[in-house]
Amino acid sequence: MSTAAVSTRPGKVLADLLPASRTRDIALVLGGAALTGIAAQIAVPVPGSPVPVTGQTFAALLVGTALGARRGFLSLAVYALVGMAGMPWFAQGTSGASGASFGYVIGMLLASTVVGALARRGGDRSVLRTAGTMVLGSAIIYAVGVPYLAAATGMTFTQAVAAGLTPFLIGDAVKAALAMGVLPTAWKFANK
């Protein structure tokens, strides 16, 4: 069995292909938080919704998948904590925990952990597995974000679904398609 075959078997995530060290892990965690913060600035307002379309959900799922559950969780925890402390790197340059979309940040923290665990079990090795991993990650984000949106704004749950889930489904499909291309391709390169 070749070294490449051993290094890319389930049980590893893409970040594990880099030489192991504490410095590597710290850099990956901080880099994942920064990537998510930068991606959150790619924001398009949605008419009738206090929640914009952003790149942060894609980044959060990609971070979790590439780094694994522990490092993905830590990256999104750093992202959330620094944003709560006042760094304006939530969607549209906001910060703090009082915004209507903060529930999505909490959901991303949980989702990055779950997709990282699935990636360690091979959930990012093929197009179909990656699709399932991304769909589950998105569902977790909405499962936390939509009820939080309802509570923060006084919307009914139905209104929150209409404002905070339905308008984003097409974008989520595009993000999942990107992940379905990027992640299995990265593994193919790693196997060479």
C-alpha atoms as a PDB file:
ATOM      1  CA  MET A   1       0.000   0.000   0.000  1.00  0.00           C
ATOM      2  CA  SER A   2       1.420   3.391  -0.936  1.00  0.00           C
ATOM      3  CA  THR A   3       2.013   6.229   1.524  1.00  0.00           C
ATOM      4  CA  ALA A   4      -0.582   8.380  -0.291  1.00  0.00           C
ATOM      5  CA  ALA A   5      -3.212   5.667   0.058  1.00  0.00           C
ATOM      6  CA  VAL A   6      -2.549   5.418   3.779  1.00  0.00           C
ATOM      7  CA  SER A   7      -2.664   9.193   4.304  1.00  0.00           C
ATOM      8  CA  THR A   8      -5.998   9.709   2.537  1.00  0.00           C
ATOM      9  CA  ARG A   9      -8.008   6.833   3.983  1.00  0.00           C
ATOM     10  CA  PRO A  10     -11.047   7.668   6.122  1.00  0.00           C
ATOM     11  CA  GLY A  11      -9.933   8.726   9.560  1.00  0.00           C
ATOM     12  CA  LYS A  12      -8.079  11.708   8.142  1.00  0.00           C
ATOM     13  CA  VAL A  13      -9.222  15.111   6.950  1.00  0.00           C
ATOM     14  CA  LEU A  14      -7.449  17.346   4.442  1.00  0.00           C
ATOM     15  CA  ALA A  15      -5.652  19.287   7.188  1.00  0.00           C
ATOM     16  CA  ASP A  16      -4.096  16.045   8.431  1.00  0.00           C
ATOM     17  CA  LEU A  17      -2.093  15.849   5.202  1.00  0.00           C
ATOM     18  CA  LEU A  18       0.058  18.736   6.481  1.00  0.00           C
ATOM     19  CA  PRO A  19       2.943  17.921   8.854  1.00  0.00           C
ATOM     20  CA  ALA A  20       1.523  17.665  12.375  1.00  0.00           C
ATOM     21  CA  SER A  21       2.408  20.266  14.975  1.00  0.00           C
ATOM     22  CA  ARG A  22       0.747  22.510  17.513  1.00  0.00           C
ATOM     23  CA  THR A  23       1.743  25.497  15.361  1.00  0.00           C
ATOM     24  CA  ARG A  24      -0.028  23.932  12.367  1.00  0.00           C
ATOM     25  CA  ASP A  25      -3.206  23.426  14.380  1.00  0.00           C
ATOM     26  CA  ILE A  26      -3.176  26.985  15.763  1.00  0.00           C
ATOM     27  CA  ALA A  27      -2.582  28.409  12.279  1.00  0.00           C
ATOM     28  CA  LEU A  28      -5.387  26.282  10.825  1.00  0.00           C
ATOM     29  CA  VAL A  29      -7.849  27.299  13.554  1.00  0.00           C
ATOM     30  CA  LEU A  30      -7.047  30.993  13.224  1.00  0.00           C
ATOM     31  CA  GLY A  31      -7.026  30.744   9.425  1.00  0.00           C
ATOM     32  CA  GLY A  32     -10.441  29.057   9.467  1.00  0.00           C
ATOM     33  CA  ALA A  33     -11.844  31.830  11.658  1.00  0.00           C
ATOM     34  CA  ALA A  34     -10.355  34.502   9.389  1.00  0.00           C
ATOM     35  CA  LEU A  35     -11.658  32.783   6.243  1.00  0.00           C
ATOM     36  CA  THR A  36     -15.148  32.703   7.721  1.00  0.00           C
ATOM     37  CA  GLY A  37     -14.922  36.362   8.711  1.00  0.00           C
ATOM     38  CA  ILE A  38     -13.738  37.392   5.265  1.00  0.00           C
ATOM     39  CA  ALA A  39     -16.404  35.284   3.543  1.00  0.00           C
ATOM     40  CA  ALA A  40     -19.081  36.927   5.703  1.00  0.00           C
ATOM     41  CA  GLN A  41     -18.245  40.230   4.036  1.00  0.00           C
ATOM     42  CA  ILE A  42     -19.448  38.819   0.722  1.00  0.00           C
ATOM     43  CA  ALA A  43     -23.048  39.746   1.470  1.00  0.00           C
ATOM     44  CA  VAL A  44     -26.070  40.373  -0.694  1.00  0.00           C
ATOM     45  CA  PRO A  45     -29.173  41.774   1.039  1.00  0.00           C
ATOM     46  CA  VAL A  46     -32.370  39.772   0.605  1.00  0.00           C
ATOM     47  CA  PRO A  47     -35.495  41.924   0.253  1.00  0.00           C
ATOM     48  CA  GLY A  48     -37.842  41.331   3.183  1.00  0.00           C
ATOM     49  CA  SER A  49     -35.224  39.517   5.276  1.00  0.00           C
ATOM     50  CA  PRO A  50     -32.840  40.781   7.938  1.00  0.00           C
ATOM     51  CA  VAL A  51     -30.477  37.957   6.893  1.00  0.00           C
ATOM     52  CA  PRO A  52     -28.270  38.509   3.808  1.00  0.00           C
ATOM     53  CA  VAL A  53     -26.878  35.874   1.478  1.00  0.00           C
ATOM     54  CA  THR A  54     -23.225  35.518   2.468  1.00  0.00           C
ATOM     55  CA  GLY A  55     -20.201  33.366   1.860  1.00  0.00           C
ATOM     56  CA  GLN A  56     -19.812  32.625   5.562  1.00  0.00           C
ATOM     57  CA  THR A  57     -21.952  29.480   5.608  1.00  0.00           C
ATOM     58  CA  PHE A  58     -19.923  28.023   2.758  1.00  0.00           C
ATOM     59  CA  ALA A  59     -16.699  28.947   4.558  1.00  0.00           C
ATOM     60  CA  ALA A  60     -17.906  27.465   7.852  1.00  0.00           C
ATOM     61  CA  LEU A  61     -18.818  24.156   6.209  1.00  0.00           C
ATOM     62  CA  LEU A  62     -15.590  24.097   4.225  1.00  0.00           C
ATOM     63  CA  VAL A  63     -13.555  24.859   7.361  1.00  0.00           C
ATOM     64  CA  GLY A  64     -15.257  22.074   9.312  1.00  0.00           C
ATOM     65  CA  THR A  65     -14.817  19.579   6.515  1.00  0.00           C
ATOM     66  CA  ALA A  66     -11.197  20.423   5.776  1.00  0.00           C
ATOM     67  CA  LEU A  67     -10.054  20.777   9.391  1.00  0.00           C
ATOM     68  CA  GLY A  68     -12.113  18.101  11.117  1.00  0.00           C
ATOM     69  CA  ALA A  69     -14.527  18.345  14.027  1.00  0.00           C
ATOM     70  CA  ARG A  70     -12.195  19.633  16.747  1.00  0.00           C
ATOM     71  CA  ARG A  71     -10.324  22.228  14.714  1.00  0.00           C
ATOM     72  CA  GLY A  72     -13.514  23.199  12.853  1.00  0.00           C
ATOM     73  CA  PHE A  73     -15.308  23.760  16.158  1.00  0.00           C
ATOM     74  CA  LEU A  74     -12.381  25.805  17.502  1.00  0.00           C
ATOM     75  CA  SER A  75     -12.228  27.917  14.327  1.00  0.00           C
ATOM     76  CA  LEU A  76     -15.911  28.779  14.493  1.00  0.00           C
ATOM     77  CA  ALA A  77     -15.699  29.311  18.259  1.00  0.00           C
ATOM     78  CA  VAL A  78     -12.894  31.847  17.692  1.00  0.00           C
ATOM     79  CA  TYR A  79     -14.970  33.444  14.916  1.00  0.00           C
ATOM     80  CA  ALA A  80     -18.039  33.691  17.184  1.00  0.00           C
ATOM     81  CA  LEU A  81     -16.188  34.879  20.289  1.00  0.00           C
ATOM     82  CA  VAL A  82     -14.152  37.521  18.479  1.00  0.00           C
ATOM     83  CA  GLY A  83     -17.289  38.737  16.706  1.00  0.00           C
ATOM     84  CA  MET A  84     -19.178  38.882  20.001  1.00  0.00           C
ATOM     85  CA  ALA A  85     -16.283  40.896  21.461  1.00  0.00           C
ATOM     86  CA  GLY A  86     -16.764  43.560  18.794  1.00  0.00           C
ATOM     87  CA  MET A  87     -14.758  42.534  15.722  1.00  0.00           C
ATOM     88  CA  PRO A  88     -16.998  43.604  12.807  1.00  0.00           C
ATOM     89  CA  TRP A  89     -16.658  40.393  10.829  1.00  0.00           C
ATOM     90  CA  PHE A  90     -20.132  38.944  10.998  1.00  0.00           C
ATOM     91  CA  ALA A  91     -22.344  39.388   7.923  1.00  0.00           C
ATOM     92  CA  GLN A  92     -22.201  42.917   6.519  1.00  0.00           C
ATOM     93  CA  GLY A  93     -19.538  44.025   8.997  1.00  0.00           C
ATOM     94  CA  THR A  94     -21.651  43.547  12.122  1.00  0.00           C
ATOM     95  CA  SER A  95     -20.619  42.175  15.498  1.00  0.00           C
ATOM     96  CA  GLY A  96     -22.166  41.160  18.816  1.00  0.00           C
ATOM     97  CA  ALA A  97     -24.706  38.547  19.821  1.00  0.00           C
ATOM     98  CA  SER A  98     -27.815  40.697  19.593  1.00  0.00           C
ATOM     99  CA  GLY A  99     -28.302  40.613  15.809  1.00  0.00           C
ATOM    100  CA  ALA A 100     -31.160  38.723  14.226  1.00  0.00           C
ATOM    101  CA  SER A 101     -28.721  36.494  12.358  1.00  0.00           C
ATOM    102  CA  PHE A 102     -26.535  35.491  15.321  1.00  0.00           C
ATOM    103  CA  GLY A 103     -28.370  32.163  15.545  1.00  0.00           C
ATOM    104  CA  TYR A 104     -26.863  31.242  12.202  1.00  0.00           C
ATOM    105  CA  VAL A 105     -23.394  31.821  13.687  1.00  0.00           C
ATOM    106  CA  ILE A 106     -24.232  29.390  16.497  1.00  0.00           C
ATOM    107  CA  GLY A 107     -25.586  26.960  13.912  1.00  0.00           C
ATOM    108  CA  MET A 108     -22.356  27.243  11.913  1.00  0.00           C
ATOM    109  CA  LEU A 109     -20.369  26.374  15.015  1.00  0.00           C
ATOM    110  CA  LEU A 110     -22.375  23.170  15.446  1.00  0.00           C
ATOM    111  CA  ALA A 111     -22.447  22.398  11.721  1.00  0.00           C
ATOM    112  CA  SER A 112     -18.675  22.739  11.328  1.00  0.00           C
ATOM    113  CA  THR A 113     -18.249  20.179  14.091  1.00  0.00           C
ATOM    114  CA  VAL A 114     -20.666  17.701  12.518  1.00  0.00           C
ATOM    115  CA  VAL A 115     -19.343  18.028   8.961  1.00  0.00           C
ATOM    116  CA  GLY A 116     -15.806  17.698  10.337  1.00  0.00           C
ATOM    117  CA  ALA A 117     -16.749  14.427  12.023  1.00  0.00           C
ATOM    118  CA  LEU A 118     -18.370  13.207   8.800  1.00  0.00           C
ATOM    119  CA  ALA A 119     -15.289  14.188   6.775  1.00  0.00           C
ATOM    120  CA  ARG A 120     -13.132  12.116   9.121  1.00  0.00           C
ATOM    121  CA  ARG A 121     -15.387   9.184   8.163  1.00  0.00           C
ATOM    122  CA  GLY A 122     -14.998   9.862   4.423  1.00  0.00           C
ATOM    123  CA  GLY A 123     -17.924  12.276   3.998  1.00  0.00           C
ATOM    124  CA  ASP A 124     -15.904  14.482   1.648  1.00  0.00           C
ATOM    125  CA  ARG A 125     -14.301  11.837  -0.577  1.00  0.00           C
ATOM    126  CA  SER A 126     -16.966  11.553  -3.287  1.00  0.00           C
ATOM    127  CA  VAL A 127     -19.484  13.866  -4.905  1.00  0.00           C
ATOM    128  CA  LEU A 128     -22.493  12.114  -3.358  1.00  0.00           C
ATOM    129  CA  ARG A 129     -21.009  11.891   0.124  1.00  0.00           C
ATOM    130  CA  THR A 130     -19.985  15.544  -0.027  1.00  0.00           C
ATOM    131  CA  ALA A 131     -23.516  16.487  -1.103  1.00  0.00           C
ATOM    132  CA  GLY A 132     -24.975  14.676   1.892  1.00  0.00           C
ATOM    133  CA  THR A 133     -22.437  16.239   4.238  1.00  0.00           C
ATOM    134  CA  MET A 134     -23.189  19.761   2.974  1.00  0.00           C
ATOM    135  CA  VAL A 135     -26.967  19.251   3.125  1.00  0.00           C
ATOM    136  CA  LEU A 136     -26.749  18.050   6.722  1.00  0.00           C
ATOM    137  CA  GLY A 137     -24.473  20.950   7.652  1.00  0.00           C
ATOM    138  CA  SER A 138     -26.870  23.467   6.098  1.00  0.00           C
ATOM    139  CA  ALA A 139     -29.830  21.843   7.868  1.00  0.00           C
ATOM    140  CA  ILE A 140     -28.067  22.245  11.218  1.00  0.00           C
ATOM    141  CA  ILE A 141     -27.401  25.929  10.510  1.00  0.00           C
ATOM    142  CA  TYR A 142     -31.072  26.504   9.721  1.00  0.00           C
ATOM    143  CA  ALA A 143     -32.261  24.415  12.667  1.00  0.00           C
ATOM    144  CA  VAL A 144     -30.589  26.922  14.989  1.00  0.00           C
ATOM    145  CA  GLY A 145     -30.709  30.089  12.882  1.00  0.00           C
ATOM    146  CA  VAL A 146     -34.392  30.136  11.942  1.00  0.00           C
ATOM    147  CA  PRO A 147     -35.803  29.760  15.496  1.00  0.00           C
ATOM    148  CA  TYR A 148     -33.272  32.346  16.723  1.00  0.00           C
ATOM    149  CA  LEU A 149     -34.395  34.702  13.949  1.00  0.00           C
ATOM    150  CA  ALA A 150     -38.016  34.246  15.014  1.00  0.00           C
ATOM    151  CA  ALA A 151     -37.189  34.912  18.661  1.00  0.00           C
ATOM    152  CA  ALA A 152     -34.936  37.907  17.925  1.00  0.00           C
ATOM    153  CA  THR A 153     -37.388  39.638  15.593  1.00  0.00           C
ATOM    154  CA  GLY A 154     -40.777  38.610  16.969  1.00  0.00           C
ATOM    155  CA  MET A 155     -41.621  36.794  13.733  1.00  0.00           C
ATOM    156  CA  THR A 156     -43.743  33.688  13.796  1.00  0.00           C
ATOM    157  CA  PHE A 157     -41.878  30.510  12.927  1.00  0.00           C
ATOM    158  CA  THR A 158     -43.566  30.478   9.498  1.00  0.00           C
ATOM    159  CA  GLN A 159     -42.447  34.056   8.855  1.00  0.00           C
ATOM    160  CA  ALA A 160     -38.916  33.190   9.969  1.00  0.00           C
ATOM    161  CA  VAL A 161     -38.819  30.236   7.566  1.00  0.00           C
ATOM    162  CA  ALA A 162     -40.021  32.512   4.750  1.00  0.00           C
ATOM    163  CA  ALA A 163     -37.446  35.192   5.586  1.00  0.00           C
ATOM    164  CA  GLY A 164     -34.534  33.121   6.872  1.00  0.00           C
ATOM    165  CA  LEU A 165     -34.589  29.803   5.005  1.00  0.00           C
ATOM    166  CA  THR A 166     -36.601  29.759   1.768  1.00  0.00           C
ATOM    167  CA  PRO A 167     -34.716  32.584  -0.025  1.00  0.00           C
ATOM    168  CA  PHE A 168     -31.395  30.855   0.637  1.00  0.00           C
ATOM    169  CA  LEU A 169     -32.069  27.359  -0.697  1.00  0.00           C
ATOM    170  CA  ILE A 170     -30.865  28.047  -4.246  1.00  0.00           C
ATOM    171  CA  GLY A 171     -27.676  29.652  -2.940  1.00  0.00           C
ATOM    172  CA  ASP A 172     -27.106  26.691  -0.648  1.00  0.00           C
ATOM    173  CA  ALA A 173     -27.481  24.349  -3.611  1.00  0.00           C
ATOM    174  CA  VAL A 174     -24.807  26.339  -5.469  1.00  0.00           C
ATOM    175  CA  LYS A 175     -22.510  26.263  -2.410  1.00  0.00           C
ATOM    176  CA  ALA A 176     -23.024  22.504  -2.074  1.00  0.00           C
ATOM    177  CA  ALA A 177     -22.207  22.064  -5.769  1.00  0.00           C
ATOM    178  CA  LEU A 178     -18.972  24.019  -5.288  1.00  0.00           C
ATOM    179  CA  ALA A 179     -18.034  21.838  -2.318  1.00  0.00           C
ATOM    180  CA  MET A 180     -18.927  18.731  -4.324  1.00  0.00           C
ATOM    181  CA  GLY A 181     -16.343  19.812  -6.869  1.00  0.00           C
ATOM    182  CA  VAL A 182     -13.634  21.151  -4.551  1.00  0.00           C
ATOM    183  CA  LEU A 183     -13.404  18.540  -1.798  1.00  0.00           C
ATOM    184  CA  PRO A 184     -13.350  15.267  -3.788  1.00  0.00           C
ATOM    185  CA  THR A 185     -10.945  16.928  -6.248  1.00  0.00           C
ATOM    186  CA  ALA A 186      -8.618  17.900  -3.402  1.00  0.00           C
ATOM    187  CA  TRP A 187      -8.586  14.277  -2.272  1.00  0.00           C
ATOM    188  CA  LYS A 188      -7.822  13.085  -5.812  1.00  0.00           C
ATOM    189  CA  PHE A 189      -4.807  15.407  -5.907  1.00  0.00           C
ATOM    190  CA  ALA A 190      -3.751  14.193  -2.460  1.00  0.00           C
ATOM    191  CA  ASN A 191      -3.820  10.605  -3.712  1.00  0.00           C
ATOM    192  CA  LYS A 192      -1.297  11.401  -6.482  1.00  0.00           C
END
